[in-house]
Amino acid sequence: MKLIIALIQPTKLEAVKEALSHVEVFRLTVMDVQGFGRQKGYTEVYRGHEFTVNLLRKIELQIAVNEDFVEPTVNAIIQAGRSGPDGKIGDGKIFILPMDDCIRIRTGERGPEAI
């Protein structure tokens, strides 16, 4: 079992969800988050005052999958989350973490069956 954490552009959420449904991944958690990497934010003018926005809005997806679904899930996120054929800085990141256990609260099932 693996936990896939993907940080994507907010505008790509619907495309990523659709791509995931095509590879039969229907369970995910979506969170609004803020952060920055190479983009380092941007400068705006508001009511005549210039200020720097250094935390950019992103969407974080958390997806728990069995081993067979890791590569299809990652490929779907890359395909739908990339800006253009070569991508752009700020398209996001994907982290794949080992997951020791999973427990379904309703039934008490554990392990791959609980996912």
N, C-alpha and C. Protein backbone atom coordinates (compact mmCIF):
# COMPACT_ATOMS: atom_id res chain seq x y z
N MET A 1 0.84 -1.18 0.00
CA MET A 1 0.00 0.00 0.00
C MET A 1 0.88 1.24 0.00
N LYS A 2 0.41 2.26 -0.72
CA LYS A 2 1.15 3.52 -0.81
C LYS A 2 0.19 4.68 -0.59
N LEU A 3 0.73 5.77 -0.08
CA LEU A 3 0.00 7.02 0.02
C LEU A 3 0.62 7.97 -0.99
N ILE A 4 -0.18 8.42 -1.95
CA ILE A 4 0.29 9.35 -2.96
C ILE A 4 -0.21 10.73 -2.59
N ILE A 5 0.73 11.65 -2.44
CA ILE A 5 0.40 13.05 -2.15
C ILE A 5 0.79 13.85 -3.38
N ALA A 6 -0.17 14.53 -3.98
CA ALA A 6 0.10 15.32 -5.17
C ALA A 6 -0.29 16.76 -4.92
N LEU A 7 0.61 17.68 -5.26
CA LEU A 7 0.33 19.11 -5.20
C LEU A 7 0.16 19.58 -6.63
N ILE A 8 -1.01 20.13 -6.94
CA ILE A 8 -1.31 20.53 -8.32
C ILE A 8 -1.87 21.95 -8.34
N GLN A 9 -1.95 22.52 -9.55
CA GLN A 9 -2.58 23.83 -9.74
C GLN A 9 -4.08 23.69 -9.52
N PRO A 10 -4.71 24.67 -8.87
CA PRO A 10 -6.16 24.60 -8.66
C PRO A 10 -6.96 24.45 -9.96
N THR A 11 -6.48 25.03 -11.03
CA THR A 11 -7.20 24.96 -12.30
C THR A 11 -7.17 23.56 -12.92
N LYS A 12 -6.30 22.70 -12.42
CA LYS A 12 -6.16 21.34 -12.98
C LYS A 12 -6.95 20.29 -12.21
N LEU A 13 -7.64 20.69 -11.14
CA LEU A 13 -8.32 19.71 -10.28
C LEU A 13 -9.33 18.86 -11.05
N GLU A 14 -10.21 19.49 -11.80
CA GLU A 14 -11.25 18.72 -12.50
C GLU A 14 -10.64 17.77 -13.53
N ALA A 15 -9.61 18.22 -14.24
CA ALA A 15 -8.96 17.35 -15.23
C ALA A 15 -8.29 16.17 -14.55
N VAL A 16 -7.66 16.39 -13.40
CA VAL A 16 -6.99 15.31 -12.67
C VAL A 16 -8.03 14.32 -12.13
N LYS A 17 -9.13 14.82 -11.58
CA LYS A 17 -10.18 13.92 -11.09
C LYS A 17 -10.73 13.06 -12.22
N GLU A 18 -10.93 13.65 -13.39
CA GLU A 18 -11.43 12.88 -14.54
C GLU A 18 -10.41 11.83 -14.98
N ALA A 19 -9.13 12.21 -15.02
CA ALA A 19 -8.08 11.25 -15.41
C ALA A 19 -8.00 10.11 -14.40
N LEU A 20 -8.16 10.42 -13.12
CA LEU A 20 -8.13 9.37 -12.09
C LEU A 20 -9.32 8.42 -12.24
N SER A 21 -10.47 8.95 -12.58
CA SER A 21 -11.64 8.07 -12.75
C SER A 21 -11.44 7.13 -13.94
N HIS A 22 -10.69 7.57 -14.97
CA HIS A 22 -10.42 6.70 -16.12
C HIS A 22 -9.53 5.51 -15.74
N VAL A 23 -8.69 5.67 -14.70
CA VAL A 23 -7.85 4.56 -14.25
C VAL A 23 -8.43 3.89 -13.01
N GLU A 24 -9.74 4.15 -12.77
CA GLU A 24 -10.50 3.52 -11.70
C GLU A 24 -10.00 3.85 -10.30
N VAL A 25 -9.57 5.09 -10.12
CA VAL A 25 -9.22 5.59 -8.79
C VAL A 25 -10.30 6.61 -8.43
N PHE A 26 -11.16 6.24 -7.46
CA PHE A 26 -12.31 7.06 -7.13
C PHE A 26 -12.26 7.64 -5.72
N ARG A 27 -11.29 7.23 -4.92
CA ARG A 27 -11.24 7.69 -3.54
C ARG A 27 -10.04 8.61 -3.36
N LEU A 28 -10.30 9.84 -2.96
CA LEU A 28 -9.21 10.77 -2.73
C LEU A 28 -9.67 11.85 -1.76
N THR A 29 -8.72 12.50 -1.15
CA THR A 29 -8.97 13.63 -0.27
C THR A 29 -8.37 14.85 -0.93
N VAL A 30 -9.13 15.94 -0.95
CA VAL A 30 -8.68 17.18 -1.60
C VAL A 30 -8.61 18.27 -0.55
N MET A 31 -7.47 18.99 -0.53
CA MET A 31 -7.28 20.08 0.43
C MET A 31 -6.76 21.32 -0.29
N ASP A 32 -7.22 22.47 0.15
CA ASP A 32 -6.66 23.75 -0.30
C ASP A 32 -5.43 24.03 0.54
N VAL A 33 -4.31 24.27 -0.10
CA VAL A 33 -3.08 24.55 0.64
C VAL A 33 -2.38 25.76 0.00
N GLN A 34 -1.37 26.27 0.69
CA GLN A 34 -0.57 27.36 0.16
C GLN A 34 0.89 27.01 0.32
N GLY A 35 1.71 27.48 -0.61
CA GLY A 35 3.14 27.24 -0.53
C GLY A 35 3.84 27.87 -1.70
N PHE A 36 5.14 27.65 -1.77
CA PHE A 36 5.89 28.12 -2.92
C PHE A 36 7.12 27.27 -3.10
N GLY A 37 7.58 27.24 -4.32
CA GLY A 37 8.80 26.54 -4.68
C GLY A 37 9.64 27.48 -5.51
N ARG A 38 9.93 27.08 -6.73
CA ARG A 38 10.71 27.93 -7.63
C ARG A 38 9.99 29.20 -8.03
N GLN A 39 8.66 29.19 -8.00
CA GLN A 39 7.91 30.38 -8.41
C GLN A 39 8.17 31.57 -7.49
N LYS A 40 8.33 31.31 -6.22
CA LYS A 40 8.64 32.31 -5.20
C LYS A 40 7.61 33.44 -5.13
N GLY A 41 6.42 33.24 -5.60
CA GLY A 41 5.37 34.24 -5.46
C GLY A 41 5.38 35.27 -6.56
N TYR A 42 4.66 36.36 -6.33
CA TYR A 42 4.53 37.43 -7.32
C TYR A 42 4.22 38.73 -6.59
N THR A 43 4.31 39.85 -7.30
CA THR A 43 4.05 41.16 -6.74
C THR A 43 2.75 41.71 -7.33
N GLU A 44 1.92 42.30 -6.46
CA GLU A 44 0.66 42.90 -6.90
C GLU A 44 0.57 44.31 -6.35
N VAL A 45 -0.28 45.12 -6.99
CA VAL A 45 -0.57 46.46 -6.50
C VAL A 45 -2.03 46.46 -6.07
N TYR A 46 -2.28 46.86 -4.83
CA TYR A 46 -3.63 46.91 -4.30
C TYR A 46 -3.82 48.28 -3.66
N ARG A 47 -4.78 49.04 -4.17
CA ARG A 47 -5.08 50.39 -3.68
C ARG A 47 -3.83 51.27 -3.61
N GLY A 48 -3.03 51.14 -4.64
CA GLY A 48 -1.84 51.98 -4.74
C GLY A 48 -0.63 51.49 -3.97
N HIS A 49 -0.77 50.40 -3.24
CA HIS A 49 0.36 49.86 -2.47
C HIS A 49 0.81 48.55 -3.11
N GLU A 50 2.11 48.42 -3.26
CA GLU A 50 2.67 47.21 -3.83
C GLU A 50 2.98 46.22 -2.70
N PHE A 51 2.59 44.98 -2.90
CA PHE A 51 2.92 43.95 -1.90
C PHE A 51 3.25 42.65 -2.62
N THR A 52 4.01 41.84 -1.91
CA THR A 52 4.46 40.57 -2.48
C THR A 52 3.62 39.44 -1.90
N VAL A 53 3.11 38.60 -2.79
CA VAL A 53 2.40 37.39 -2.38
C VAL A 53 3.39 36.25 -2.56
N ASN A 54 3.88 35.70 -1.45
CA ASN A 54 4.88 34.64 -1.58
C ASN A 54 4.35 33.26 -1.25
N LEU A 55 3.08 33.16 -0.90
CA LEU A 55 2.45 31.86 -0.73
C LEU A 55 1.38 31.72 -1.80
N LEU A 56 1.56 30.74 -2.67
CA LEU A 56 0.65 30.54 -3.79
C LEU A 56 -0.34 29.43 -3.47
N ARG A 57 -1.56 29.58 -3.95
CA ARG A 57 -2.61 28.58 -3.71
C ARG A 57 -2.33 27.34 -4.55
N LYS A 58 -2.42 26.19 -3.93
CA LYS A 58 -2.30 24.89 -4.58
C LYS A 58 -3.40 23.98 -4.06
N ILE A 59 -3.57 22.86 -4.73
CA ILE A 59 -4.49 21.82 -4.28
C ILE A 59 -3.64 20.60 -3.92
N GLU A 60 -3.89 20.04 -2.74
CA GLU A 60 -3.20 18.82 -2.33
C GLU A 60 -4.18 17.66 -2.40
N LEU A 61 -3.78 16.63 -3.12
CA LEU A 61 -4.56 15.40 -3.21
C LEU A 61 -3.86 14.33 -2.38
N GLN A 62 -4.61 13.60 -1.58
CA GLN A 62 -4.08 12.44 -0.87
C GLN A 62 -4.86 11.23 -1.35
N ILE A 63 -4.11 10.26 -1.87
CA ILE A 63 -4.74 9.09 -2.46
C ILE A 63 -4.04 7.84 -1.93
N ALA A 64 -4.78 6.99 -1.25
CA ALA A 64 -4.24 5.72 -0.76
C ALA A 64 -4.57 4.65 -1.80
N VAL A 65 -3.55 3.94 -2.27
CA VAL A 65 -3.76 2.92 -3.30
C VAL A 65 -2.99 1.64 -2.97
N ASN A 66 -3.46 0.55 -3.54
CA ASN A 66 -2.71 -0.71 -3.49
C ASN A 66 -1.61 -0.64 -4.54
N GLU A 67 -0.63 -1.50 -4.42
CA GLU A 67 0.56 -1.47 -5.29
C GLU A 67 0.22 -1.43 -6.78
N ASP A 68 -0.80 -2.18 -7.20
CA ASP A 68 -1.14 -2.25 -8.62
C ASP A 68 -1.61 -0.91 -9.19
N PHE A 69 -2.06 -0.01 -8.34
CA PHE A 69 -2.62 1.25 -8.80
C PHE A 69 -1.63 2.42 -8.72
N VAL A 70 -0.42 2.20 -8.21
CA VAL A 70 0.52 3.31 -8.03
C VAL A 70 0.88 3.95 -9.36
N GLU A 71 1.39 3.19 -10.31
CA GLU A 71 1.83 3.77 -11.58
C GLU A 71 0.68 4.36 -12.39
N PRO A 72 -0.47 3.67 -12.54
CA PRO A 72 -1.58 4.30 -13.26
C PRO A 72 -2.04 5.62 -12.62
N THR A 73 -2.03 5.67 -11.29
CA THR A 73 -2.44 6.88 -10.58
C THR A 73 -1.46 8.01 -10.85
N VAL A 74 -0.17 7.73 -10.71
CA VAL A 74 0.86 8.74 -10.94
C VAL A 74 0.82 9.23 -12.39
N ASN A 75 0.70 8.32 -13.33
CA ASN A 75 0.65 8.72 -14.75
C ASN A 75 -0.57 9.58 -15.06
N ALA A 76 -1.71 9.26 -14.45
CA ALA A 76 -2.92 10.05 -14.67
C ALA A 76 -2.75 11.47 -14.12
N ILE A 77 -2.14 11.60 -12.95
CA ILE A 77 -1.91 12.93 -12.36
C ILE A 77 -0.95 13.73 -13.22
N ILE A 78 0.12 13.10 -13.69
CA ILE A 78 1.10 13.79 -14.53
C ILE A 78 0.44 14.26 -15.83
N GLN A 79 -0.29 13.37 -16.47
CA GLN A 79 -0.90 13.69 -17.76
C GLN A 79 -1.90 14.85 -17.63
N ALA A 80 -2.76 14.80 -16.62
CA ALA A 80 -3.80 15.82 -16.48
C ALA A 80 -3.32 17.09 -15.78
N GLY A 81 -2.27 16.97 -14.96
CA GLY A 81 -1.81 18.11 -14.18
C GLY A 81 -0.75 18.96 -14.85
N ARG A 82 -0.19 18.48 -15.94
CA ARG A 82 0.89 19.19 -16.63
C ARG A 82 0.31 20.31 -17.50
N SER A 83 0.99 21.46 -17.51
CA SER A 83 0.60 22.59 -18.37
C SER A 83 1.32 22.46 -19.70
N GLY A 84 0.59 22.09 -20.72
CA GLY A 84 1.20 21.94 -22.04
C GLY A 84 2.01 20.67 -22.14
N PRO A 85 2.61 20.43 -23.31
CA PRO A 85 3.35 19.18 -23.53
C PRO A 85 4.62 19.05 -22.69
N ASP A 86 5.26 20.17 -22.39
CA ASP A 86 6.52 20.13 -21.61
C ASP A 86 6.35 20.56 -20.17
N GLY A 87 5.19 21.07 -19.81
CA GLY A 87 4.95 21.53 -18.46
C GLY A 87 5.59 22.88 -18.18
N LYS A 88 5.28 23.42 -17.01
CA LYS A 88 5.81 24.71 -16.59
C LYS A 88 6.18 24.65 -15.12
N ILE A 89 7.04 25.55 -14.69
CA ILE A 89 7.34 25.66 -13.27
C ILE A 89 6.04 25.97 -12.55
N GLY A 90 5.80 25.27 -11.46
CA GLY A 90 4.58 25.48 -10.69
C GLY A 90 3.50 24.44 -10.96
N ASP A 91 3.76 23.50 -11.88
CA ASP A 91 2.77 22.46 -12.16
C ASP A 91 2.55 21.54 -10.95
N GLY A 92 3.54 21.42 -10.09
CA GLY A 92 3.34 20.65 -8.86
C GLY A 92 4.34 19.55 -8.64
N LYS A 93 4.05 18.73 -7.66
CA LYS A 93 4.91 17.62 -7.26
C LYS A 93 4.03 16.43 -6.87
N ILE A 94 4.64 15.25 -6.95
CA ILE A 94 3.98 14.03 -6.49
C ILE A 94 4.94 13.32 -5.53
N PHE A 95 4.44 12.96 -4.37
CA PHE A 95 5.22 12.21 -3.39
C PHE A 95 4.56 10.86 -3.19
N ILE A 96 5.36 9.80 -3.16
CA ILE A 96 4.83 8.45 -2.94
C ILE A 96 5.45 7.93 -1.65
N LEU A 97 4.60 7.65 -0.67
CA LEU A 97 5.05 7.22 0.65
C LEU A 97 4.55 5.82 0.96
N PRO A 98 5.37 5.02 1.66
CA PRO A 98 4.87 3.71 2.09
C PRO A 98 3.78 3.91 3.16
N MET A 99 2.80 3.04 3.14
CA MET A 99 1.72 3.13 4.11
C MET A 99 1.67 1.80 4.86
N ASP A 100 1.90 1.85 6.14
CA ASP A 100 1.97 0.64 6.95
C ASP A 100 0.63 -0.05 7.11
N ASP A 101 -0.41 0.72 7.32
CA ASP A 101 -1.70 0.10 7.57
C ASP A 101 -2.81 1.07 7.19
N CYS A 102 -3.98 0.51 6.98
CA CYS A 102 -5.18 1.29 6.70
C CYS A 102 -6.32 0.59 7.41
N ILE A 103 -7.16 1.34 8.07
CA ILE A 103 -8.27 0.75 8.83
C ILE A 103 -9.56 1.45 8.42
N ARG A 104 -10.54 0.68 8.00
CA ARG A 104 -11.86 1.24 7.71
C ARG A 104 -12.62 1.30 9.02
N ILE A 105 -12.97 2.50 9.43
CA ILE A 105 -13.60 2.71 10.73
C ILE A 105 -14.92 1.96 10.84
N ARG A 106 -15.73 2.00 9.80
CA ARG A 106 -17.06 1.39 9.84
C ARG A 106 -17.01 -0.10 10.15
N THR A 107 -16.09 -0.84 9.48
CA THR A 107 -16.09 -2.30 9.60
C THR A 107 -14.92 -2.85 10.39
N GLY A 108 -13.89 -2.05 10.59
CA GLY A 108 -12.69 -2.53 11.25
C GLY A 108 -11.73 -3.28 10.33
N GLU A 109 -12.05 -3.35 9.02
CA GLU A 109 -11.16 -4.02 8.06
C GLU A 109 -9.81 -3.32 8.09
N ARG A 110 -8.75 -4.12 7.83
CA ARG A 110 -7.40 -3.58 7.84
C ARG A 110 -6.67 -3.94 6.57
N GLY A 111 -5.67 -3.15 6.24
CA GLY A 111 -4.80 -3.44 5.11
C GLY A 111 -5.41 -3.08 3.77
N PRO A 112 -4.95 -3.77 2.70
CA PRO A 112 -5.41 -3.45 1.35
C PRO A 112 -6.93 -3.52 1.16
N GLU A 113 -7.60 -4.38 1.90
CA GLU A 113 -9.05 -4.49 1.78
C GLU A 113 -9.77 -3.23 2.27
N ALA A 114 -9.14 -2.51 3.18
CA ALA A 114 -9.76 -1.30 3.74
C ALA A 114 -9.68 -0.11 2.79
N ILE A 115 -8.76 -0.18 1.81
CA ILE A 115 -8.64 0.93 0.87
C ILE A 115 -9.80 0.88 -0.07
